[in-house]
Amino acid sequence: PVSKTDSGATNTRRGRPHTVDDLILTLERNLRGSSGGHRARLLLKKWAWVMVFGGSRLIKALFDLMVGLAMLIIAAPLLITVAILIKLDSPGPVFFSQIRVGRQGRLFTMYKFRTMRTDAEKIKQQLMDQNETGGGIFKMKRDPPITRVGRVLRKPSIDELPQNAHVPKGGMSIVG
């Protein structure tokens, strides 16, 4: 049998629950038809699962908060230096922001260091005939809209460091 979980994922493991939500739903269904000691045992199992997984989520959130704050404090001198270099290299804002879809479909504003000129979209239209890839991707070996500092920041992905500010706030999580 095939069933749907709350997240919409299909469960094909012969009707057996494979997520915590599935397990809790199964226990709740079994509770409706039970009485006495069996009902108490099922209730205990349900709350044990809720506590274990709720507790692990809390531990992960605390880990993200502590490590995220530590990363920001350690990286602060580099972040300030990069911001100054971007301001000296080209006019415009230090950060590039974009709306992204996060966990559970929530929208959040993602920040990166700006590595391109502010008029990059206009220049891109003029350079479309020099595109080195096909389809919807625009690539050039020496992309003119990329600033001098931006070229250096992109190689080790330093332009991505401001995204770490979302970790202590809970918008992003440390993985891997």
Protein backbone atom coordinates (compact mmCIF):
# COMPACT_ATOMS: atom_id res chain seq x y z
CA PRO A 1 0.00 0.00 0.00
CA VAL A 2 1.02 3.56 -0.66
CA SER A 3 0.27 6.36 1.79
CA LYS A 4 1.00 10.07 1.99
CA THR A 5 2.85 11.73 4.86
CA ASP A 6 2.14 15.26 6.14
CA SER A 7 5.04 16.54 4.03
CA GLY A 8 3.52 14.94 0.93
CA ALA A 9 6.22 12.24 0.64
CA THR A 10 4.97 8.85 -0.47
CA ASN A 11 5.44 5.94 1.92
CA THR A 12 5.75 2.61 0.09
CA ARG A 13 7.14 0.48 2.95
CA ARG A 14 4.07 -1.77 3.19
CA GLY A 15 2.10 0.78 5.16
CA ARG A 16 4.68 1.03 7.95
CA PRO A 17 5.52 4.54 9.16
CA HIS A 18 8.96 5.82 8.19
CA THR A 19 8.89 9.35 9.59
CA VAL A 20 8.29 10.61 13.10
CA ASP A 21 5.06 12.26 11.98
CA ASP A 22 3.86 8.96 10.47
CA LEU A 23 4.71 7.11 13.67
CA ILE A 24 2.84 9.59 15.87
CA LEU A 25 -0.19 9.50 13.53
CA THR A 26 -0.18 5.68 13.69
CA LEU A 27 -0.02 5.75 17.49
CA GLU A 28 -2.89 8.26 17.62
CA ARG A 29 -5.01 6.04 15.36
CA ASN A 30 -4.27 3.06 17.64
CA LEU A 31 -5.16 5.14 20.71
CA ARG A 32 -8.68 5.77 19.42
CA GLY A 33 -9.48 2.07 19.46
CA SER A 34 -7.76 1.22 22.78
CA SER A 35 -8.68 1.28 26.41
CA GLY A 36 -7.11 0.76 29.83
CA GLY A 37 -3.48 -0.29 30.18
CA HIS A 38 -2.94 -0.61 26.43
CA ARG A 39 -4.07 3.01 25.93
CA ALA A 40 -1.72 4.22 28.70
CA ARG A 41 1.20 2.33 27.14
CA LEU A 42 0.50 3.84 23.72
CA LEU A 43 0.22 7.33 25.23
CA LEU A 44 3.56 6.84 26.94
CA LYS A 45 5.16 5.72 23.66
CA LYS A 46 3.72 8.72 21.82
CA TRP A 47 5.03 11.25 24.35
CA ALA A 48 8.42 9.50 24.48
CA TRP A 49 8.75 9.95 20.71
CA VAL A 50 7.63 13.58 20.93
CA MET A 51 10.20 14.27 23.67
CA VAL A 52 13.06 12.51 21.89
CA PHE A 53 12.55 14.25 18.57
CA GLY A 54 11.52 17.56 20.09
CA GLY A 55 14.62 17.41 22.30
CA SER A 56 16.89 16.69 19.35
CA ARG A 57 15.43 19.67 17.50
CA LEU A 58 16.12 21.85 20.53
CA ILE A 59 19.71 20.58 20.75
CA LYS A 60 20.21 21.26 17.01
CA ALA A 61 18.79 24.78 17.39
CA LEU A 62 21.13 25.48 20.33
CA PHE A 63 24.08 24.09 18.36
CA ASP A 64 23.22 26.33 15.38
CA LEU A 65 22.90 29.35 17.66
CA MET A 66 26.22 28.81 19.45
CA VAL A 67 28.29 27.79 16.42
CA GLY A 68 26.65 30.47 14.23
CA LEU A 69 27.49 33.21 16.73
CA ALA A 70 31.05 31.90 17.12
CA MET A 71 31.52 31.85 13.33
CA LEU A 72 30.29 35.45 13.02
CA ILE A 73 32.58 36.66 15.81
CA ILE A 74 35.62 34.86 14.38
CA ALA A 75 34.87 36.06 10.82
CA ALA A 76 34.07 39.67 11.83
CA PRO A 77 37.52 41.10 10.94
CA LEU A 78 37.39 39.43 7.52
CA LEU A 79 33.80 40.60 6.93
CA ILE A 80 34.73 44.21 7.78
CA THR A 81 37.83 44.08 5.56
CA VAL A 82 35.85 42.70 2.62
CA ALA A 83 33.15 45.36 3.07
CA ILE A 84 35.79 48.12 2.94
CA LEU A 85 37.43 46.59 -0.15
CA ILE A 86 34.08 46.37 -1.97
CA LYS A 87 33.35 50.04 -1.18
CA LEU A 88 36.80 51.11 -2.41
CA ASP A 89 36.60 48.98 -5.59
CA SER A 90 33.23 50.08 -6.99
CA PRO A 91 30.30 52.35 -6.18
CA GLY A 92 27.12 50.81 -4.82
CA PRO A 93 26.01 48.76 -1.83
CA VAL A 94 28.29 46.29 -0.07
CA PHE A 95 25.65 43.56 0.01
CA PHE A 96 23.57 41.88 -2.67
CA SER A 97 20.22 40.64 -1.39
CA GLN A 98 17.77 38.19 -2.87
CA ILE A 99 14.55 36.55 -1.68
CA ARG A 100 14.94 32.78 -1.27
CA VAL A 101 12.63 29.97 -0.18
CA GLY A 102 13.69 28.35 3.08
CA ARG A 103 12.57 25.44 5.20
CA GLN A 104 8.84 24.71 5.05
CA GLY A 105 8.42 27.19 2.17
CA ARG A 106 9.20 30.29 4.25
CA LEU A 107 10.65 33.23 2.35
CA PHE A 108 13.75 34.97 3.67
CA THR A 109 16.18 37.58 2.39
CA MET A 110 19.58 36.09 1.62
CA TYR A 111 22.62 38.39 1.73
CA LYS A 112 25.93 38.02 -0.09
CA PHE A 113 28.80 40.38 -0.66
CA ARG A 114 28.25 42.21 -3.96
CA THR A 115 30.69 40.87 -6.55
CA MET A 116 29.22 42.51 -9.66
CA ARG A 117 28.72 46.03 -10.86
CA THR A 118 25.35 47.57 -10.02
CA ASP A 119 24.49 47.81 -13.75
CA ALA A 120 25.30 44.13 -14.41
CA GLU A 121 21.86 43.29 -15.85
CA LYS A 122 22.13 46.04 -18.49
CA ILE A 123 25.64 44.92 -19.46
CA LYS A 124 24.51 41.29 -19.61
CA GLN A 125 21.95 42.14 -22.30
CA GLN A 126 24.70 43.76 -24.40
CA LEU A 127 26.98 40.72 -23.99
CA MET A 128 24.46 37.94 -24.72
CA ASP A 129 26.05 37.20 -28.10
CA GLN A 130 29.34 36.37 -26.28
CA ASN A 131 27.68 33.81 -23.97
CA GLU A 132 29.94 30.73 -23.69
CA THR A 133 27.16 28.36 -22.57
CA GLY A 134 23.77 27.55 -24.03
CA GLY A 135 20.31 27.77 -22.56
CA GLY A 136 19.33 30.06 -19.70
CA ILE A 137 22.81 30.22 -18.14
CA PHE A 138 25.09 33.15 -18.95
CA LYS A 139 28.84 32.47 -18.57
CA MET A 140 31.98 34.17 -19.81
CA LYS A 141 35.56 33.42 -18.85
CA ARG A 142 36.31 37.11 -18.13
CA ASP A 143 32.81 38.34 -17.22
CA PRO A 144 33.00 42.18 -17.45
CA PRO A 145 30.26 42.90 -14.85
CA ILE A 146 32.27 41.12 -12.13
CA THR A 147 34.34 43.60 -10.12
CA ARG A 148 38.08 43.12 -9.41
CA VAL A 149 37.39 42.39 -5.74
CA GLY A 150 34.41 40.22 -6.73
CA ARG A 151 36.64 38.00 -8.88
CA VAL A 152 38.88 37.34 -5.85
CA LEU A 153 35.92 36.82 -3.46
CA ARG A 154 34.20 34.26 -5.67
CA LYS A 155 37.09 31.81 -5.95
CA PRO A 156 37.07 30.73 -2.25
CA SER A 157 33.34 31.66 -1.90
CA ILE A 158 34.05 34.49 0.56
CA ASP A 159 31.11 36.35 -1.01
CA GLU A 160 28.84 33.74 0.65
CA LEU A 161 29.98 34.47 4.25
CA PRO A 162 27.18 36.97 5.08
CA GLN A 163 24.70 34.10 4.76
CA ASN A 164 26.05 32.77 8.05
CA ALA A 165 24.13 35.57 9.79
CA HIS A 166 20.97 33.53 9.15
CA VAL A 167 22.24 30.58 11.23
CA PRO A 168 21.91 32.13 14.74
CA LYS A 169 18.51 33.58 13.75
CA GLY A 170 17.25 30.12 12.78
CA GLY A 171 16.71 30.94 9.09
CA MET A 172 19.47 28.55 7.99
CA SER A 173 21.11 25.56 9.64
CA ILE A 174 24.63 24.17 9.74
CA VAL A 175 24.79 20.91 7.80
CA GLY A 176 27.54 18.55 6.70
